[in-house]
C-alpha atoms as a PDB file:
ATOM      1  CA  UNK A   1       9.830  11.044  -3.186  1.00  0.00           C
ATOM      2  CA  UNK A   2      11.770   7.844  -2.763  1.00  0.00           C
ATOM      3  CA  UNK A   3      11.681   4.143  -3.502  1.00  0.00           C
ATOM      4  CA  UNK A   4      12.497   1.514  -0.933  1.00  0.00           C
ATOM      5  CA  UNK A   5      14.549  -1.679  -1.474  1.00  0.00           C
ATOM      6  CA  UNK A   6      12.796  -4.083  -3.824  1.00  0.00           C
ATOM      7  CA  UNK A   7      14.051  -7.602  -3.154  1.00  0.00           C
ATOM      8  CA  UNK A   8      10.696  -8.705  -1.750  1.00  0.00           C
ATOM      9  CA  UNK A   9       9.203  -8.763  -5.242  1.00  0.00           C
ATOM     10  CA  UNK A  10      11.331 -11.435  -6.790  1.00  0.00           C
ATOM     11  CA  UNK A  11      12.294 -14.383  -4.569  1.00  0.00           C
ATOM     12  CA  UNK A  12      11.987 -16.209  -1.244  1.00  0.00           C
ATOM     13  CA  UNK A  13      14.967 -16.265   1.102  1.00  0.00           C
ATOM     14  CA  UNK A  14      16.274 -15.305   4.521  1.00  0.00           C
ATOM     15  CA  UNK A  15      19.933 -14.502   5.117  1.00  0.00           C
ATOM     16  CA  UNK A  16      22.265 -12.501   7.279  1.00  0.00           C
ATOM     17  CA  UNK A  17      22.581  -8.859   6.255  1.00  0.00           C
ATOM     18  CA  UNK A  18      26.197  -8.059   7.028  1.00  0.00           C
ATOM     19  CA  UNK A  19      25.943  -4.368   6.162  1.00  0.00           C
ATOM     20  CA  UNK A  20      22.839  -3.754   8.295  1.00  0.00           C
ATOM     21  CA  UNK A  21      24.245  -5.852  11.159  1.00  0.00           C
ATOM     22  CA  UNK A  22      27.376  -3.706  11.157  1.00  0.00           C
ATOM     23  CA  UNK A  23      25.419  -0.454  10.859  1.00  0.00           C
ATOM     24  CA  UNK A  24      23.029  -1.074  13.738  1.00  0.00           C
ATOM     25  CA  UNK A  25      25.299  -3.247  15.915  1.00  0.00           C
ATOM     26  CA  UNK A  26      22.927  -6.215  15.932  1.00  0.00           C
ATOM     27  CA  UNK A  27      22.694  -9.580  14.214  1.00  0.00           C
ATOM     28  CA  UNK A  28      20.204  -8.659  11.492  1.00  0.00           C
ATOM     29  CA  UNK A  29      18.613 -10.876   8.885  1.00  0.00           C
ATOM     30  CA  UNK A  30      16.802  -9.823   5.749  1.00  0.00           C
ATOM     31  CA  UNK A  31      14.219 -11.985   4.028  1.00  0.00           C
ATOM     32  CA  UNK A  32      11.336 -12.117   1.594  1.00  0.00           C
ATOM     33  CA  UNK A  33       8.737 -14.803   1.010  1.00  0.00           C
ATOM     34  CA  UNK A  34       6.082 -14.952  -1.685  1.00  0.00           C
ATOM     35  CA  UNK A  35       4.164 -17.711   0.135  1.00  0.00           C
ATOM     36  CA  UNK A  36       4.232 -19.463   3.505  1.00  0.00           C
ATOM     37  CA  UNK A  37       2.608 -22.881   3.999  1.00  0.00           C
ATOM     38  CA  UNK A  38       2.640 -24.557   7.441  1.00  0.00           C
ATOM     39  CA  UNK A  39       5.917 -26.369   6.768  1.00  0.00           C
ATOM     40  CA  UNK A  40       7.632 -23.242   5.537  1.00  0.00           C
ATOM     41  CA  UNK A  41       6.257 -21.226   8.440  1.00  0.00           C
ATOM     42  CA  UNK A  42       7.583 -23.582  11.127  1.00  0.00           C
ATOM     43  CA  UNK A  43      11.035 -23.643   9.534  1.00  0.00           C
ATOM     44  CA  UNK A  44      11.029 -19.865   9.165  1.00  0.00           C
ATOM     45  CA  UNK A  45      10.190 -19.336  12.854  1.00  0.00           C
ATOM     46  CA  UNK A  46      13.220 -21.425  13.834  1.00  0.00           C
ATOM     47  CA  UNK A  47      15.417 -19.293  11.587  1.00  0.00           C
ATOM     48  CA  UNK A  48      13.975 -16.036  12.914  1.00  0.00           C
ATOM     49  CA  UNK A  49      14.863 -17.002  16.478  1.00  0.00           C
ATOM     50  CA  UNK A  50      18.574 -17.045  15.553  1.00  0.00           C
ATOM     51  CA  UNK A  51      18.684 -13.271  14.826  1.00  0.00           C
ATOM     52  CA  UNK A  52      18.381 -10.177  16.997  1.00  0.00           C
ATOM     53  CA  UNK A  53      16.196  -8.599  14.319  1.00  0.00           C
ATOM     54  CA  UNK A  54      14.861  -9.617  10.916  1.00  0.00           C
ATOM     55  CA  UNK A  55      13.486  -7.383   8.176  1.00  0.00           C
ATOM     56  CA  UNK A  56      10.907  -9.659   6.541  1.00  0.00           C
ATOM     57  CA  UNK A  57       8.848  -8.780   3.486  1.00  0.00           C
ATOM     58  CA  UNK A  58       5.712 -10.777   2.682  1.00  0.00           C
ATOM     59  CA  UNK A  59       2.764 -10.230   0.310  1.00  0.00           C
ATOM     60  CA  UNK A  60      -0.017  -8.215   1.966  1.00  0.00           C
ATOM     61  CA  UNK A  61      -2.509 -11.060   1.546  1.00  0.00           C
ATOM     62  CA  UNK A  62      -0.472 -13.028   4.133  1.00  0.00           C
ATOM     63  CA  UNK A  63      -1.323 -10.475   6.824  1.00  0.00           C
ATOM     64  CA  UNK A  64      -2.791 -13.186   9.090  1.00  0.00           C
ATOM     65  CA  UNK A  65       0.765 -14.543   9.507  1.00  0.00           C
ATOM     66  CA  UNK A  66       1.605 -11.439  11.566  1.00  0.00           C
ATOM     67  CA  UNK A  67      -0.520 -12.761  14.449  1.00  0.00           C
ATOM     68  CA  UNK A  68       0.906 -16.256  13.955  1.00  0.00           C
ATOM     69  CA  UNK A  69       4.463 -14.934  14.411  1.00  0.00           C
ATOM     70  CA  UNK A  70       3.389 -13.184  17.622  1.00  0.00           C
ATOM     71  CA  UNK A  71       2.207 -16.471  19.118  1.00  0.00           C
ATOM     72  CA  UNK A  72       5.671 -18.061  18.578  1.00  0.00           C
ATOM     73  CA  UNK A  73       7.715 -15.961  21.001  1.00  0.00           C
ATOM     74  CA  UNK A  74       8.377 -13.222  18.462  1.00  0.00           C
ATOM     75  CA  UNK A  75       7.752  -9.484  18.665  1.00  0.00           C
ATOM     76  CA  UNK A  76       6.367  -8.330  15.301  1.00  0.00           C
ATOM     77  CA  UNK A  77       6.118  -4.739  14.122  1.00  0.00           C
ATOM     78  CA  UNK A  78       4.662  -3.845  10.732  1.00  0.00           C
ATOM     79  CA  UNK A  79       6.985  -1.035   9.705  1.00  0.00           C
ATOM     80  CA  UNK A  80       5.561  -0.251   6.273  1.00  0.00           C
ATOM     81  CA  UNK A  81       3.392  -1.344   3.364  1.00  0.00           C
ATOM     82  CA  UNK A  82       5.283  -1.286   0.068  1.00  0.00           C
ATOM     83  CA  UNK A  83       3.323  -0.865  -3.165  1.00  0.00           C
ATOM     84  CA  UNK A  84       4.669  -1.928  -6.563  1.00  0.00           C
ATOM     85  CA  UNK A  85       3.665  -0.069  -9.715  1.00  0.00           C
ATOM     86  CA  UNK A  86       4.556  -0.710 -13.351  1.00  0.00           C
ATOM     87  CA  UNK A  87       4.191   1.049 -16.658  1.00  0.00           C
ATOM     88  CA  UNK A  88       4.143  -1.578 -19.403  1.00  0.00           C
ATOM     89  CA  UNK A  89       3.638   0.951 -22.216  1.00  0.00           C
ATOM     90  CA  UNK A  90       6.161   3.692 -21.420  1.00  0.00           C
ATOM     91  CA  UNK A  91       6.203   6.619 -23.832  1.00  0.00           C
ATOM     92  CA  UNK A  92       8.970   8.747 -22.403  1.00  0.00           C
ATOM     93  CA  UNK A  93       9.934  12.345 -23.026  1.00  0.00           C
ATOM     94  CA  UNK A  94      13.362  13.952 -23.064  1.00  0.00           C
ATOM     95  CA  UNK A  95      13.220  17.151 -21.034  1.00  0.00           C
ATOM     96  CA  UNK A  96      15.586  20.070 -21.371  1.00  0.00           C
ATOM     97  CA  UNK A  97      18.295  20.334 -18.698  1.00  0.00           C
ATOM     98  CA  UNK A  98      18.083  16.620 -17.831  1.00  0.00           C
ATOM     99  CA  UNK A  99      20.804  14.002 -18.385  1.00  0.00           C
ATOM    100  CA  UNK A 100      20.178  10.321 -19.047  1.00  0.00           C
ATOM    101  CA  UNK A 101      23.375   9.049 -20.688  1.00  0.00           C
ATOM    102  CA  UNK A 102      25.845   9.344 -17.812  1.00  0.00           C
ATOM    103  CA  UNK A 103      26.113   9.049 -14.049  1.00  0.00           C
ATOM    104  CA  UNK A 104      26.690  12.211 -12.027  1.00  0.00           C
ATOM    105  CA  UNK A 105      29.711  12.217  -9.637  1.00  0.00           C
ATOM    106  CA  UNK A 106      29.190  10.000  -6.613  1.00  0.00           C
ATOM    107  CA  UNK A 107      29.952  12.928  -4.275  1.00  0.00           C
ATOM    108  CA  UNK A 108      27.023  14.865  -5.783  1.00  0.00           C
ATOM    109  CA  UNK A 109      24.730  11.829  -5.474  1.00  0.00           C
ATOM    110  CA  UNK A 110      25.637  11.429  -1.812  1.00  0.00           C
ATOM    111  CA  UNK A 111      25.065  15.125  -1.124  1.00  0.00           C
ATOM    112  CA  UNK A 112      21.661  14.915  -2.808  1.00  0.00           C
ATOM    113  CA  UNK A 113      20.672  11.744  -0.905  1.00  0.00           C
ATOM    114  CA  UNK A 114      21.730  13.222   2.444  1.00  0.00           C
ATOM    115  CA  UNK A 115      19.555  16.287   1.874  1.00  0.00           C
ATOM    116  CA  UNK A 116      16.520  14.422   0.527  1.00  0.00           C
ATOM    117  CA  UNK A 117      16.439  11.450   2.888  1.00  0.00           C
ATOM    118  CA  UNK A 118      17.182  13.246   6.169  1.00  0.00           C
ATOM    119  CA  UNK A 119      14.097  12.676   8.348  1.00  0.00           C
ATOM    120  CA  UNK A 120      12.360  10.597   5.673  1.00  0.00           C
ATOM    121  CA  UNK A 121       9.872   8.079   7.093  1.00  0.00           C
ATOM    122  CA  UNK A 122      10.777   4.531   6.027  1.00  0.00           C
ATOM    123  CA  UNK A 123      10.793   1.080   7.566  1.00  0.00           C
ATOM    124  CA  UNK A 124      14.019   1.889   9.461  1.00  0.00           C
ATOM    125  CA  UNK A 125      12.902   5.204  10.979  1.00  0.00           C
ATOM    126  CA  UNK A 126       9.476   3.826  11.846  1.00  0.00           C
ATOM    127  CA  UNK A 127      11.205   1.499  14.317  1.00  0.00           C
ATOM    128  CA  UNK A 128      11.934   3.319  17.579  1.00  0.00           C
ATOM    129  CA  UNK A 129      14.672   0.796  18.431  1.00  0.00           C
ATOM    130  CA  UNK A 130      16.797   1.813  15.444  1.00  0.00           C
ATOM    131  CA  UNK A 131      18.916   4.978  15.144  1.00  0.00           C
ATOM    132  CA  UNK A 132      17.520   7.545  12.700  1.00  0.00           C
ATOM    133  CA  UNK A 133      21.040   8.780  11.933  1.00  0.00           C
ATOM    134  CA  UNK A 134      22.201   5.273  11.053  1.00  0.00           C
ATOM    135  CA  UNK A 135      19.118   4.877   8.869  1.00  0.00           C
ATOM    136  CA  UNK A 136      20.309   7.808   6.769  1.00  0.00           C
ATOM    137  CA  UNK A 137      23.761   6.206   6.602  1.00  0.00           C
ATOM    138  CA  UNK A 138      22.030   3.190   5.067  1.00  0.00           C
ATOM    139  CA  UNK A 139      20.692   5.293   2.187  1.00  0.00           C
ATOM    140  CA  UNK A 140      24.154   6.727   1.580  1.00  0.00           C
ATOM    141  CA  UNK A 141      25.618   3.217   1.439  1.00  0.00           C
ATOM    142  CA  UNK A 142      22.762   2.054  -0.748  1.00  0.00           C
ATOM    143  CA  UNK A 143      23.305   4.847  -3.272  1.00  0.00           C
ATOM    144  CA  UNK A 144      27.037   4.094  -3.339  1.00  0.00           C
ATOM    145  CA  UNK A 145      26.389   0.419  -4.069  1.00  0.00           C
ATOM    146  CA  UNK A 146      23.980   1.322  -6.838  1.00  0.00           C
ATOM    147  CA  UNK A 147      26.531   3.681  -8.329  1.00  0.00           C
ATOM    148  CA  UNK A 148      29.015   0.814  -8.639  1.00  0.00           C
ATOM    149  CA  UNK A 149      26.547  -1.697 -10.107  1.00  0.00           C
ATOM    150  CA  UNK A 150      27.141  -2.871 -13.674  1.00  0.00           C
ATOM    151  CA  UNK A 151      23.463  -2.614 -14.674  1.00  0.00           C
ATOM    152  CA  UNK A 152      22.707   0.813 -13.220  1.00  0.00           C
ATOM    153  CA  UNK A 153      21.093   3.645 -15.194  1.00  0.00           C
ATOM    154  CA  UNK A 154      20.508   7.167 -14.010  1.00  0.00           C
ATOM    155  CA  UNK A 155      18.615  10.293 -14.927  1.00  0.00           C
ATOM    156  CA  UNK A 156      19.185  13.593 -13.189  1.00  0.00           C
ATOM    157  CA  UNK A 157      18.650  17.317 -13.386  1.00  0.00           C
ATOM    158  CA  UNK A 158      21.370  19.709 -12.143  1.00  0.00           C
ATOM    159  CA  UNK A 159      20.256  22.613  -9.961  1.00  0.00           C
ATOM    160  CA  UNK A 160      22.843  25.302  -9.281  1.00  0.00           C
ATOM    161  CA  UNK A 161      25.821  23.336  -7.936  1.00  0.00           C
ATOM    162  CA  UNK A 162      23.682  20.401  -6.794  1.00  0.00           C
ATOM    163  CA  UNK A 163      21.547  17.631  -8.210  1.00  0.00           C
ATOM    164  CA  UNK A 164      17.952  18.853  -8.181  1.00  0.00           C
ATOM    165  CA  UNK A 165      16.266  15.563  -9.069  1.00  0.00           C
ATOM    166  CA  UNK A 166      17.677  12.068  -9.399  1.00  0.00           C
ATOM    167  CA  UNK A 167      16.670   8.521 -10.242  1.00  0.00           C
ATOM    168  CA  UNK A 168      18.933   5.487 -10.016  1.00  0.00           C
ATOM    169  CA  UNK A 169      17.586   2.338 -11.629  1.00  0.00           C
ATOM    170  CA  UNK A 170      18.714  -1.192 -12.418  1.00  0.00           C
ATOM    171  CA  UNK A 171      18.055  -2.941 -15.715  1.00  0.00           C
ATOM    172  CA  UNK A 172      17.082  -6.609 -15.870  1.00  0.00           C
ATOM    173  CA  UNK A 173      16.210  -7.769 -19.365  1.00  0.00           C
ATOM    174  CA  UNK A 174      13.547  -5.482 -20.789  1.00  0.00           C
ATOM    175  CA  UNK A 175      12.609  -4.041 -17.366  1.00  0.00           C
ATOM    176  CA  UNK A 176      14.015  -0.927 -15.748  1.00  0.00           C
ATOM    177  CA  UNK A 177      13.336  -0.810 -12.004  1.00  0.00           C
ATOM    178  CA  UNK A 178      13.686   2.547 -10.274  1.00  0.00           C
ATOM    179  CA  UNK A 179      15.411   1.809  -6.991  1.00  0.00           C
ATOM    180  CA  UNK A 180      16.140   5.235  -5.580  1.00  0.00           C
ATOM    181  CA  UNK A 181      14.568   8.511  -6.676  1.00  0.00           C
ATOM    182  CA  UNK A 182      14.159  11.926  -5.139  1.00  0.00           C
ATOM    183  CA  UNK A 183      13.582  15.619  -5.736  1.00  0.00           C
ATOM    184  CA  UNK A 184      15.156  18.316  -3.561  1.00  0.00           C
ATOM    185  CA  UNK A 185      12.585  19.576  -1.016  1.00  0.00           C
ATOM    186  CA  UNK A 186      12.871  23.162  -2.316  1.00  0.00           C
ATOM    187  CA  UNK A 187      11.992  22.006  -5.851  1.00  0.00           C
ATOM    188  CA  UNK A 188       9.001  19.812  -5.042  1.00  0.00           C
ATOM    189  CA  UNK A 189       5.580  20.842  -6.319  1.00  0.00           C
ATOM    190  CA  UNK A 190       6.903  21.999  -9.708  1.00  0.00           C
ATOM    191  CA  UNK A 191       6.139  18.889 -11.750  1.00  0.00           C
ATOM    192  CA  UNK A 192       9.717  17.597 -11.653  1.00  0.00           C
ATOM    193  CA  UNK A 193       8.736  14.159 -10.423  1.00  0.00           C
ATOM    194  CA  UNK A 194       6.599  13.564 -13.529  1.00  0.00           C
ATOM    195  CA  UNK A 195       9.543  14.718 -15.624  1.00  0.00           C
ATOM    196  CA  UNK A 196      11.784  12.279 -13.741  1.00  0.00           C
ATOM    197  CA  UNK A 197       9.456   9.388 -14.598  1.00  0.00           C
ATOM    198  CA  UNK A 198       9.284  10.474 -18.229  1.00  0.00           C
ATOM    199  CA  UNK A 199      13.051  10.673 -18.415  1.00  0.00           C
ATOM    200  CA  UNK A 200      13.424   7.135 -16.999  1.00  0.00           C
ATOM    201  CA  UNK A 201      10.897   5.914 -19.569  1.00  0.00           C
ATOM    202  CA  UNK A 202      12.803   7.736 -22.334  1.00  0.00           C
ATOM    203  CA  UNK A 203      16.056   6.093 -21.282  1.00  0.00           C
ATOM    204  CA  UNK A 204      14.350   2.675 -21.025  1.00  0.00           C
ATOM    205  CA  UNK A 205      13.133   2.895 -24.596  1.00  0.00           C
ATOM    206  CA  UNK A 206      16.498   4.254 -25.735  1.00  0.00           C
ATOM    207  CA  UNK A 207      18.309   1.133 -24.475  1.00  0.00           C
ATOM    208  CA  UNK A 208      15.690  -1.254 -25.869  1.00  0.00           C
ATOM    209  CA  UNK A 209      13.535  -1.804 -22.785  1.00  0.00           C
ATOM    210  CA  UNK A 210       9.756  -2.002 -22.624  1.00  0.00           C
ATOM    211  CA  UNK A 211       8.677  -1.686 -18.970  1.00  0.00           C
ATOM    212  CA  UNK A 212       9.398   0.540 -15.955  1.00  0.00           C
ATOM    213  CA  UNK A 213       8.754  -0.657 -12.417  1.00  0.00           C
ATOM    214  CA  UNK A 214       8.894   1.266  -9.149  1.00  0.00           C
ATOM    215  CA  UNK A 215       7.917   0.749  -5.490  1.00  0.00           C
ATOM    216  CA  UNK A 216       6.896   3.209  -2.809  1.00  0.00           C
ATOM    217  CA  UNK A 217       5.384   3.181   0.670  1.00  0.00           C
ATOM    218  CA  UNK A 218       1.611   3.440   1.027  1.00  0.00           C
ATOM    219  CA  UNK A 219       2.165   6.635   3.036  1.00  0.00           C
ATOM    220  CA  UNK A 220       3.712   8.364  -0.012  1.00  0.00           C
ATOM    221  CA  UNK A 221       0.393   9.737  -1.249  1.00  0.00           C
ATOM    222  CA  UNK A 222       1.935  12.415  -3.502  1.00  0.00           C
ATOM    223  CA  UNK A 223       4.122   9.857  -5.249  1.00  0.00           C
ATOM    224  CA  UNK A 224       1.244   7.392  -5.645  1.00  0.00           C
ATOM    225  CA  UNK A 225      -0.943  10.084  -7.234  1.00  0.00           C
ATOM    226  CA  UNK A 226       1.928  11.084  -9.551  1.00  0.00           C
ATOM    227  CA  UNK A 227       2.435   7.453 -10.628  1.00  0.00           C
ATOM    228  CA  UNK A 228      -1.249   6.976 -11.396  1.00  0.00           C
ATOM    229  CA  UNK A 229      -1.281  10.267 -13.324  1.00  0.00           C
ATOM    230  CA  UNK A 230       1.732   9.085 -15.335  1.00  0.00           C
ATOM    231  CA  UNK A 231      -0.004   5.845 -16.335  1.00  0.00           C
ATOM    232  CA  UNK A 232       1.460   3.408 -13.795  1.00  0.00           C
ATOM    233  CA  UNK A 233      -0.708   0.557 -12.543  1.00  0.00           C
ATOM    234  CA  UNK A 234      -0.604  -1.058  -9.108  1.00  0.00           C
ATOM    235  CA  UNK A 235       0.840  -4.573  -9.403  1.00  0.00           C
ATOM    236  CA  UNK A 236       1.488  -5.820  -5.892  1.00  0.00           C
ATOM    237  CA  UNK A 237       1.516  -4.962  -2.213  1.00  0.00           C
ATOM    238  CA  UNK A 238       4.008  -6.160   0.418  1.00  0.00           C
ATOM    239  CA  UNK A 239       4.225  -5.784   4.183  1.00  0.00           C
ATOM    240  CA  UNK A 240       7.599  -5.081   5.789  1.00  0.00           C
ATOM    241  CA  UNK A 241       7.837  -6.698   9.197  1.00  0.00           C
ATOM    242  CA  UNK A 242      10.487  -6.128  11.866  1.00  0.00           C
ATOM    243  CA  UNK A 243      10.686  -9.329  13.888  1.00  0.00           C
ATOM    244  CA  UNK A 244      12.579  -9.816  17.145  1.00  0.00           C
ATOM    245  CA  UNK A 245      12.639 -12.771  19.575  1.00  0.00           C
ATOM    246  CA  UNK A 246      10.858 -11.703  22.758  1.00  0.00           C
ATOM    247  CA  UNK A 247      13.795 -12.911  24.859  1.00  0.00           C
ATOM    248  CA  UNK A 248      16.247 -10.579  23.070  1.00  0.00           C
ATOM    249  CA  UNK A 249      13.858  -7.619  23.138  1.00  0.00           C
ATOM    250  CA  UNK A 250      13.657  -7.860  26.918  1.00  0.00           C
ATOM    251  CA  UNK A 251      17.437  -7.527  27.422  1.00  0.00           C
END
């Protein structure tokens, strides 16, 4: 039970991703666009041709653009469909054995992430040209960056000497967005994910917030059902595209 990166929801841009370029040994761009008219599209194609690989997120209603990219000398692979949910009337519940007022040690977070995300299907691991091991490294780096962020909030439940369930979220105004969340495989199926959501809602209300947002892949059926059960409503749908110039793919 995890949430993917969420930058596609908020703005339109394309830029070099230094961390992902270093991780995968390629010149990688990352971008998101909420709309693409003909002018924007032509300019974007010229930018895409400058990279070895681009992770591009677009609203699902722009799906016809996938074929258009393919006719411009670009190899396009739809690596996932990201769904955004929100709860605009969070109620929240504080559950016994959970913490919401402090971050756990980074070493424990990294241990938890390594166990939960190993083999997890995401837009990285769906791409056969990218290393699965380096994809996991990306989640470790991602959790570390979140840990150091000024606007991060966390809820977690200890389990023996580990973290059993964890959510890391960022706060922007009155909105708390869950960025990374997971439950240890051995603890799944016990209702802990619903508790995790309720704890995030509790913390949101405690700090004066009024909405909780979260994203997940369309393949995460268990998470989607849990979100609906917890009162979350589907807000938006984005496609994640992996785009490579045909000339570079052939090398």
